[in-house]
C-alpha atoms as a PDB file:
ATOM      1  CA  UNK A   1     -44.067   9.943  -6.298  1.00  0.00           C
ATOM      2  CA  UNK A   2     -46.740  10.108  -9.109  1.00  0.00           C
ATOM      3  CA  UNK A   3     -45.753  10.268 -12.858  1.00  0.00           C
ATOM      4  CA  UNK A   4     -46.839  13.599 -14.819  1.00  0.00           C
ATOM      5  CA  UNK A   5     -47.587  14.624 -18.172  1.00  0.00           C
ATOM      6  CA  UNK A   6     -44.781  16.341 -19.762  1.00  0.00           C
ATOM      7  CA  UNK A   7     -44.748  19.609 -21.348  1.00  0.00           C
ATOM      8  CA  UNK A   8     -44.247  19.805 -25.234  1.00  0.00           C
ATOM      9  CA  UNK A   9     -41.069  21.614 -26.294  1.00  0.00           C
ATOM     10  CA  UNK A  10     -43.070  23.474 -28.889  1.00  0.00           C
ATOM     11  CA  UNK A  11     -46.558  24.616 -29.378  1.00  0.00           C
ATOM     12  CA  UNK A  12     -49.417  22.487 -30.696  1.00  0.00           C
ATOM     13  CA  UNK A  13     -49.314  24.211 -34.043  1.00  0.00           C
ATOM     14  CA  UNK A  14     -45.581  24.119 -34.471  1.00  0.00           C
ATOM     15  CA  UNK A  15     -45.600  20.973 -36.700  1.00  0.00           C
ATOM     16  CA  UNK A  16     -48.336  21.834 -39.104  1.00  0.00           C
ATOM     17  CA  UNK A  17     -46.141  20.715 -41.880  1.00  0.00           C
ATOM     18  CA  UNK A  18     -46.993  17.262 -40.737  1.00  0.00           C
ATOM     19  CA  UNK A  19     -49.463  17.182 -37.861  1.00  0.00           C
ATOM     20  CA  UNK A  20     -52.279  19.535 -37.241  1.00  0.00           C
ATOM     21  CA  UNK A  21     -52.776  21.547 -34.328  1.00  0.00           C
ATOM     22  CA  UNK A  22     -55.923  19.786 -32.897  1.00  0.00           C
ATOM     23  CA  UNK A  23     -54.529  16.367 -33.337  1.00  0.00           C
ATOM     24  CA  UNK A  24     -51.490  17.458 -31.355  1.00  0.00           C
ATOM     25  CA  UNK A  25     -53.633  18.824 -28.825  1.00  0.00           C
ATOM     26  CA  UNK A  26     -55.897  15.872 -28.339  1.00  0.00           C
ATOM     27  CA  UNK A  27     -52.893  13.364 -28.681  1.00  0.00           C
ATOM     28  CA  UNK A  28     -51.066  15.277 -25.842  1.00  0.00           C
ATOM     29  CA  UNK A  29     -53.754  16.514 -23.597  1.00  0.00           C
ATOM     30  CA  UNK A  30     -56.116  13.490 -23.902  1.00  0.00           C
ATOM     31  CA  UNK A  31     -54.473  10.403 -25.087  1.00  0.00           C
ATOM     32  CA  UNK A  32     -50.996  10.817 -23.492  1.00  0.00           C
ATOM     33  CA  UNK A  33     -52.611  12.389 -20.219  1.00  0.00           C
ATOM     34  CA  UNK A  34     -54.935   9.321 -20.097  1.00  0.00           C
ATOM     35  CA  UNK A  35     -51.934   6.954 -19.966  1.00  0.00           C
ATOM     36  CA  UNK A  36     -50.343   8.967 -17.123  1.00  0.00           C
ATOM     37  CA  UNK A  37     -53.465   8.930 -15.057  1.00  0.00           C
ATOM     38  CA  UNK A  38     -53.930   5.270 -15.565  1.00  0.00           C
ATOM     39  CA  UNK A  39     -50.371   4.444 -14.809  1.00  0.00           C
ATOM     40  CA  UNK A  40     -50.632   6.039 -11.461  1.00  0.00           C
ATOM     41  CA  UNK A  41     -53.875   4.521 -10.755  1.00  0.00           C
ATOM     42  CA  UNK A  42     -52.279   0.945 -11.650  1.00  0.00           C
ATOM     43  CA  UNK A  43     -49.321   1.538  -9.361  1.00  0.00           C
ATOM     44  CA  UNK A  44     -50.953   3.385  -6.447  1.00  0.00           C
ATOM     45  CA  UNK A  45     -50.027   1.597  -3.120  1.00  0.00           C
ATOM     46  CA  UNK A  46     -48.046  -0.970  -4.695  1.00  0.00           C
ATOM     47  CA  UNK A  47     -44.113  -1.883  -4.700  1.00  0.00           C
ATOM     48  CA  UNK A  48     -43.994  -0.301  -8.292  1.00  0.00           C
ATOM     49  CA  UNK A  49     -44.527   3.157  -6.702  1.00  0.00           C
ATOM     50  CA  UNK A  50     -41.213   5.189  -6.724  1.00  0.00           C
ATOM     51  CA  UNK A  51     -39.540   3.263  -9.656  1.00  0.00           C
ATOM     52  CA  UNK A  52     -38.652   5.285 -12.458  1.00  0.00           C
ATOM     53  CA  UNK A  53     -40.508   4.924 -15.880  1.00  0.00           C
ATOM     54  CA  UNK A  54     -37.618   3.162 -17.758  1.00  0.00           C
ATOM     55  CA  UNK A  55     -37.094   0.755 -14.877  1.00  0.00           C
ATOM     56  CA  UNK A  56     -40.822  -0.037 -15.072  1.00  0.00           C
ATOM     57  CA  UNK A  57     -41.216  -0.604 -18.638  1.00  0.00           C
ATOM     58  CA  UNK A  58     -38.183  -2.948 -19.273  1.00  0.00           C
ATOM     59  CA  UNK A  59     -39.757  -5.375 -16.582  1.00  0.00           C
ATOM     60  CA  UNK A  60     -43.055  -5.386 -18.568  1.00  0.00           C
ATOM     61  CA  UNK A  61     -43.504  -9.071 -18.812  1.00  0.00           C
ATOM     62  CA  UNK A  62     -44.103  -9.447 -14.911  1.00  0.00           C
ATOM     63  CA  UNK A  63     -46.380  -6.642 -14.653  1.00  0.00           C
ATOM     64  CA  UNK A  64     -50.150  -6.267 -14.985  1.00  0.00           C
ATOM     65  CA  UNK A  65     -51.700  -5.390 -18.420  1.00  0.00           C
ATOM     66  CA  UNK A  66     -52.562  -1.952 -17.040  1.00  0.00           C
ATOM     67  CA  UNK A  67     -49.166  -1.098 -15.992  1.00  0.00           C
ATOM     68  CA  UNK A  68     -47.546  -2.434 -18.984  1.00  0.00           C
ATOM     69  CA  UNK A  69     -49.867  -0.655 -21.472  1.00  0.00           C
ATOM     70  CA  UNK A  70     -50.108   2.621 -19.749  1.00  0.00           C
ATOM     71  CA  UNK A  71     -46.293   2.662 -18.644  1.00  0.00           C
ATOM     72  CA  UNK A  72     -45.503   1.785 -22.331  1.00  0.00           C
ATOM     73  CA  UNK A  73     -47.818   4.673 -23.314  1.00  0.00           C
ATOM     74  CA  UNK A  74     -46.407   7.191 -21.197  1.00  0.00           C
ATOM     75  CA  UNK A  75     -42.703   6.362 -21.906  1.00  0.00           C
ATOM     76  CA  UNK A  76     -43.593   6.066 -25.878  1.00  0.00           C
ATOM     77  CA  UNK A  77     -45.287   9.331 -26.120  1.00  0.00           C
ATOM     78  CA  UNK A  78     -42.639  11.321 -23.769  1.00  0.00           C
ATOM     79  CA  UNK A  79     -39.824  10.029 -26.228  1.00  0.00           C
ATOM     80  CA  UNK A  80     -41.970  10.691 -29.304  1.00  0.00           C
ATOM     81  CA  UNK A  81     -42.457  14.396 -28.554  1.00  0.00           C
ATOM     82  CA  UNK A  82     -38.798  14.935 -28.247  1.00  0.00           C
ATOM     83  CA  UNK A  83     -38.111  13.456 -31.668  1.00  0.00           C
ATOM     84  CA  UNK A  84     -39.806  16.042 -33.347  1.00  0.00           C
ATOM     85  CA  UNK A  85     -39.201  19.757 -34.146  1.00  0.00           C
ATOM     86  CA  UNK A  86     -40.492  22.556 -36.555  1.00  0.00           C
ATOM     87  CA  UNK A  87     -36.645  22.977 -37.314  1.00  0.00           C
ATOM     88  CA  UNK A  88     -35.647  19.877 -39.112  1.00  0.00           C
ATOM     89  CA  UNK A  89     -32.473  19.172 -40.536  1.00  0.00           C
ATOM     90  CA  UNK A  90     -30.738  16.033 -41.556  1.00  0.00           C
ATOM     91  CA  UNK A  91     -28.514  13.367 -39.905  1.00  0.00           C
ATOM     92  CA  UNK A  92     -24.804  14.477 -39.436  1.00  0.00           C
ATOM     93  CA  UNK A  93     -21.800  12.997 -38.009  1.00  0.00           C
ATOM     94  CA  UNK A  94     -21.566   9.592 -36.324  1.00  0.00           C
ATOM     95  CA  UNK A  95     -25.324   9.025 -36.857  1.00  0.00           C
ATOM     96  CA  UNK A  96     -25.046   9.679 -40.586  1.00  0.00           C
ATOM     97  CA  UNK A  97     -21.986   7.601 -40.943  1.00  0.00           C
ATOM     98  CA  UNK A  98     -23.835   4.716 -39.143  1.00  0.00           C
ATOM     99  CA  UNK A  99     -27.077   4.855 -41.161  1.00  0.00           C
ATOM    100  CA  UNK A 100     -25.114   4.952 -44.334  1.00  0.00           C
ATOM    101  CA  UNK A 101     -22.807   1.914 -43.359  1.00  0.00           C
ATOM    102  CA  UNK A 102     -26.083  -0.207 -42.146  1.00  0.00           C
ATOM    103  CA  UNK A 103     -28.608   0.964 -44.705  1.00  0.00           C
ATOM    104  CA  UNK A 104     -26.670   2.059 -47.636  1.00  0.00           C
ATOM    105  CA  UNK A 105     -27.974   5.773 -47.580  1.00  0.00           C
ATOM    106  CA  UNK A 106     -30.424   7.943 -45.878  1.00  0.00           C
ATOM    107  CA  UNK A 107     -33.245   7.337 -48.497  1.00  0.00           C
ATOM    108  CA  UNK A 108     -32.981   3.334 -48.221  1.00  0.00           C
ATOM    109  CA  UNK A 109     -33.128   4.014 -44.238  1.00  0.00           C
ATOM    110  CA  UNK A 110     -36.334   5.974 -44.667  1.00  0.00           C
ATOM    111  CA  UNK A 111     -38.007   3.580 -47.160  1.00  0.00           C
ATOM    112  CA  UNK A 112     -37.262   0.741 -44.862  1.00  0.00           C
ATOM    113  CA  UNK A 113     -38.282   2.480 -41.512  1.00  0.00           C
ATOM    114  CA  UNK A 114     -41.549   3.797 -43.586  1.00  0.00           C
ATOM    115  CA  UNK A 115     -42.283  -0.095 -44.393  1.00  0.00           C
ATOM    116  CA  UNK A 116     -41.958  -0.826 -40.964  1.00  0.00           C
ATOM    117  CA  UNK A 117     -44.516   1.600 -39.956  1.00  0.00           C
ATOM    118  CA  UNK A 118     -47.028   0.640 -42.791  1.00  0.00           C
ATOM    119  CA  UNK A 119     -46.837  -2.973 -42.311  1.00  0.00           C
ATOM    120  CA  UNK A 120     -47.273  -2.689 -38.254  1.00  0.00           C
ATOM    121  CA  UNK A 121     -51.017  -4.124 -38.287  1.00  0.00           C
ATOM    122  CA  UNK A 122     -53.373  -2.359 -36.236  1.00  0.00           C
ATOM    123  CA  UNK A 123     -51.780   0.165 -33.757  1.00  0.00           C
ATOM    124  CA  UNK A 124     -48.257   0.239 -32.594  1.00  0.00           C
ATOM    125  CA  UNK A 125     -44.855   1.913 -33.182  1.00  0.00           C
ATOM    126  CA  UNK A 126     -42.024   1.773 -35.608  1.00  0.00           C
ATOM    127  CA  UNK A 127     -38.499   2.002 -34.142  1.00  0.00           C
ATOM    128  CA  UNK A 128     -34.675   2.615 -35.126  1.00  0.00           C
ATOM    129  CA  UNK A 129     -32.838   1.001 -32.168  1.00  0.00           C
ATOM    130  CA  UNK A 130     -29.447   0.016 -31.349  1.00  0.00           C
ATOM    131  CA  UNK A 131     -29.748  -3.626 -30.931  1.00  0.00           C
ATOM    132  CA  UNK A 132     -27.868  -5.888 -28.292  1.00  0.00           C
ATOM    133  CA  UNK A 133     -25.105  -6.380 -30.872  1.00  0.00           C
ATOM    134  CA  UNK A 134     -24.639  -2.511 -31.041  1.00  0.00           C
ATOM    135  CA  UNK A 135     -25.950  -2.238 -34.753  1.00  0.00           C
ATOM    136  CA  UNK A 136     -28.723  -0.049 -35.848  1.00  0.00           C
ATOM    137  CA  UNK A 137     -31.764  -2.090 -36.564  1.00  0.00           C
ATOM    138  CA  UNK A 138     -35.285  -1.125 -37.644  1.00  0.00           C
ATOM    139  CA  UNK A 139     -38.181  -2.898 -35.872  1.00  0.00           C
ATOM    140  CA  UNK A 140     -41.812  -2.475 -34.840  1.00  0.00           C
ATOM    141  CA  UNK A 141     -43.886  -3.253 -31.764  1.00  0.00           C
ATOM    142  CA  UNK A 142     -47.773  -3.689 -31.105  1.00  0.00           C
ATOM    143  CA  UNK A 143     -50.034  -1.329 -28.960  1.00  0.00           C
ATOM    144  CA  UNK A 144     -47.766   0.619 -26.538  1.00  0.00           C
ATOM    145  CA  UNK A 145     -45.049  -1.929 -26.322  1.00  0.00           C
ATOM    146  CA  UNK A 146     -41.329  -0.721 -26.857  1.00  0.00           C
ATOM    147  CA  UNK A 147     -38.196  -2.464 -27.545  1.00  0.00           C
ATOM    148  CA  UNK A 148     -36.745  -1.700 -23.832  1.00  0.00           C
ATOM    149  CA  UNK A 149     -39.528  -4.371 -22.777  1.00  0.00           C
ATOM    150  CA  UNK A 150     -38.139  -7.690 -21.877  1.00  0.00           C
ATOM    151  CA  UNK A 151     -41.098  -9.191 -23.859  1.00  0.00           C
ATOM    152  CA  UNK A 152     -40.070  -7.276 -27.170  1.00  0.00           C
ATOM    153  CA  UNK A 153     -39.512  -9.502 -29.917  1.00  0.00           C
ATOM    154  CA  UNK A 154     -36.414  -7.424 -30.986  1.00  0.00           C
ATOM    155  CA  UNK A 155     -34.677  -5.790 -27.916  1.00  0.00           C
ATOM    156  CA  UNK A 156     -32.572  -2.699 -28.032  1.00  0.00           C
ATOM    157  CA  UNK A 157     -32.243   0.999 -27.201  1.00  0.00           C
ATOM    158  CA  UNK A 158     -34.673   3.378 -29.159  1.00  0.00           C
ATOM    159  CA  UNK A 159     -33.246   6.310 -30.866  1.00  0.00           C
ATOM    160  CA  UNK A 160     -36.010   7.056 -33.202  1.00  0.00           C
ATOM    161  CA  UNK A 161     -39.778   6.254 -33.034  1.00  0.00           C
ATOM    162  CA  UNK A 162     -42.888   6.820 -34.914  1.00  0.00           C
ATOM    163  CA  UNK A 163     -46.420   6.448 -33.340  1.00  0.00           C
ATOM    164  CA  UNK A 164     -48.960   4.709 -35.923  1.00  0.00           C
ATOM    165  CA  UNK A 165     -51.810   4.530 -33.928  1.00  0.00           C
ATOM    166  CA  UNK A 166     -54.565   6.151 -35.838  1.00  0.00           C
ATOM    167  CA  UNK A 167     -55.149   8.894 -33.039  1.00  0.00           C
ATOM    168  CA  UNK A 168     -51.884  10.094 -34.111  1.00  0.00           C
ATOM    169  CA  UNK A 169     -53.024  11.205 -37.789  1.00  0.00           C
ATOM    170  CA  UNK A 170     -56.798  10.327 -38.375  1.00  0.00           C
ATOM    171  CA  UNK A 171     -57.996  14.025 -38.245  1.00  0.00           C
ATOM    172  CA  UNK A 172     -55.829  15.204 -41.228  1.00  0.00           C
ATOM    173  CA  UNK A 173     -54.961  11.854 -43.001  1.00  0.00           C
ATOM    174  CA  UNK A 174     -57.997   9.571 -42.121  1.00  0.00           C
ATOM    175  CA  UNK A 175     -56.689   6.180 -43.290  1.00  0.00           C
ATOM    176  CA  UNK A 176     -53.712   7.430 -45.364  1.00  0.00           C
ATOM    177  CA  UNK A 177     -51.048   6.248 -43.126  1.00  0.00           C
ATOM    178  CA  UNK A 178     -48.711   6.579 -45.782  1.00  0.00           C
ATOM    179  CA  UNK A 179     -49.300  10.196 -46.512  1.00  0.00           C
ATOM    180  CA  UNK A 180     -48.717  10.766 -42.405  1.00  0.00           C
ATOM    181  CA  UNK A 181     -45.628   9.055 -42.453  1.00  0.00           C
ATOM    182  CA  UNK A 182     -44.342  10.750 -45.634  1.00  0.00           C
ATOM    183  CA  UNK A 183     -45.189  14.186 -44.056  1.00  0.00           C
ATOM    184  CA  UNK A 184     -43.595  13.237 -40.660  1.00  0.00           C
ATOM    185  CA  UNK A 185     -40.092  12.956 -42.043  1.00  0.00           C
ATOM    186  CA  UNK A 186     -40.326  16.722 -42.555  1.00  0.00           C
ATOM    187  CA  UNK A 187     -40.424  17.295 -38.610  1.00  0.00           C
ATOM    188  CA  UNK A 188     -38.053  14.620 -37.372  1.00  0.00           C
ATOM    189  CA  UNK A 189     -35.547  16.134 -34.846  1.00  0.00           C
ATOM    190  CA  UNK A 190     -32.294  14.553 -36.180  1.00  0.00           C
ATOM    191  CA  UNK A 191     -30.240  16.491 -33.706  1.00  0.00           C
ATOM    192  CA  UNK A 192     -32.029  14.622 -30.901  1.00  0.00           C
ATOM    193  CA  UNK A 193     -31.626  11.520 -32.575  1.00  0.00           C
ATOM    194  CA  UNK A 194     -28.038  11.855 -33.066  1.00  0.00           C
ATOM    195  CA  UNK A 195     -27.747  12.789 -29.486  1.00  0.00           C
ATOM    196  CA  UNK A 196     -29.392   9.518 -28.511  1.00  0.00           C
ATOM    197  CA  UNK A 197     -27.042   7.683 -30.875  1.00  0.00           C
ATOM    198  CA  UNK A 198     -24.045   9.499 -29.271  1.00  0.00           C
ATOM    199  CA  UNK A 199     -25.109   8.835 -25.555  1.00  0.00           C
ATOM    200  CA  UNK A 200     -25.493   5.055 -26.507  1.00  0.00           C
ATOM    201  CA  UNK A 201     -21.919   4.659 -27.705  1.00  0.00           C
END
C-alpha cells in the first residue's frame, strides 16, 4: 500500500500569526508531497512495501538514503502539522508538571528548545522527546532524521518537533530563523503535545 499525503487539520492561512499561507501551501503540497512520492518510488517492489511508517523510520540505519531521507521527511512533516493550531493555549496537567520539574519553568524550556533550533547547523529539526530513561529531553537532528531512528544520536519518543529547514520560513523571515521560532511558539498545539506525553506514560 502506498503512502499518501495527509490533509492538514486547518487551512493554509490558519497559522498566519506565525507562518504565511503561501509558505504553508508550498511546504505541504510541494515539499511534503515530494517526500511521499519519492518514498513510494524508493520502496516499490521491495520487502519494505506494506510496512507502516514508524516501523520504517525506526530501522533507518539499514535503509537506503532514499528511504531514510524521504521516510523521515514524511514522518516528520506528518507529525509537525499536528503540533500546530490557530488556537494555541499553554501546557497544563502532567505535561506542565513534567516541564517545570525538568527545566524549571516553561520559559526556561522555551529558551533551551529555541537554542536547539537556532544551533542546528544547516537543515534539520529541534525536538522535545521522552528519552529512553523516561525523562523529557531536548535534542535536534540533521536533515530529515528524527529521534525514533536507530541512528539518532539521542533516541526517544518525540512529543514536540520544529522544522528549521529554510523552506519552512524563508518567504516571510528570509534568514531570520530566530524570528520564525519566536513566532512559532504562538501556534504550538499544546493539547496535542499533552496528549502525546500522556500516551507515552
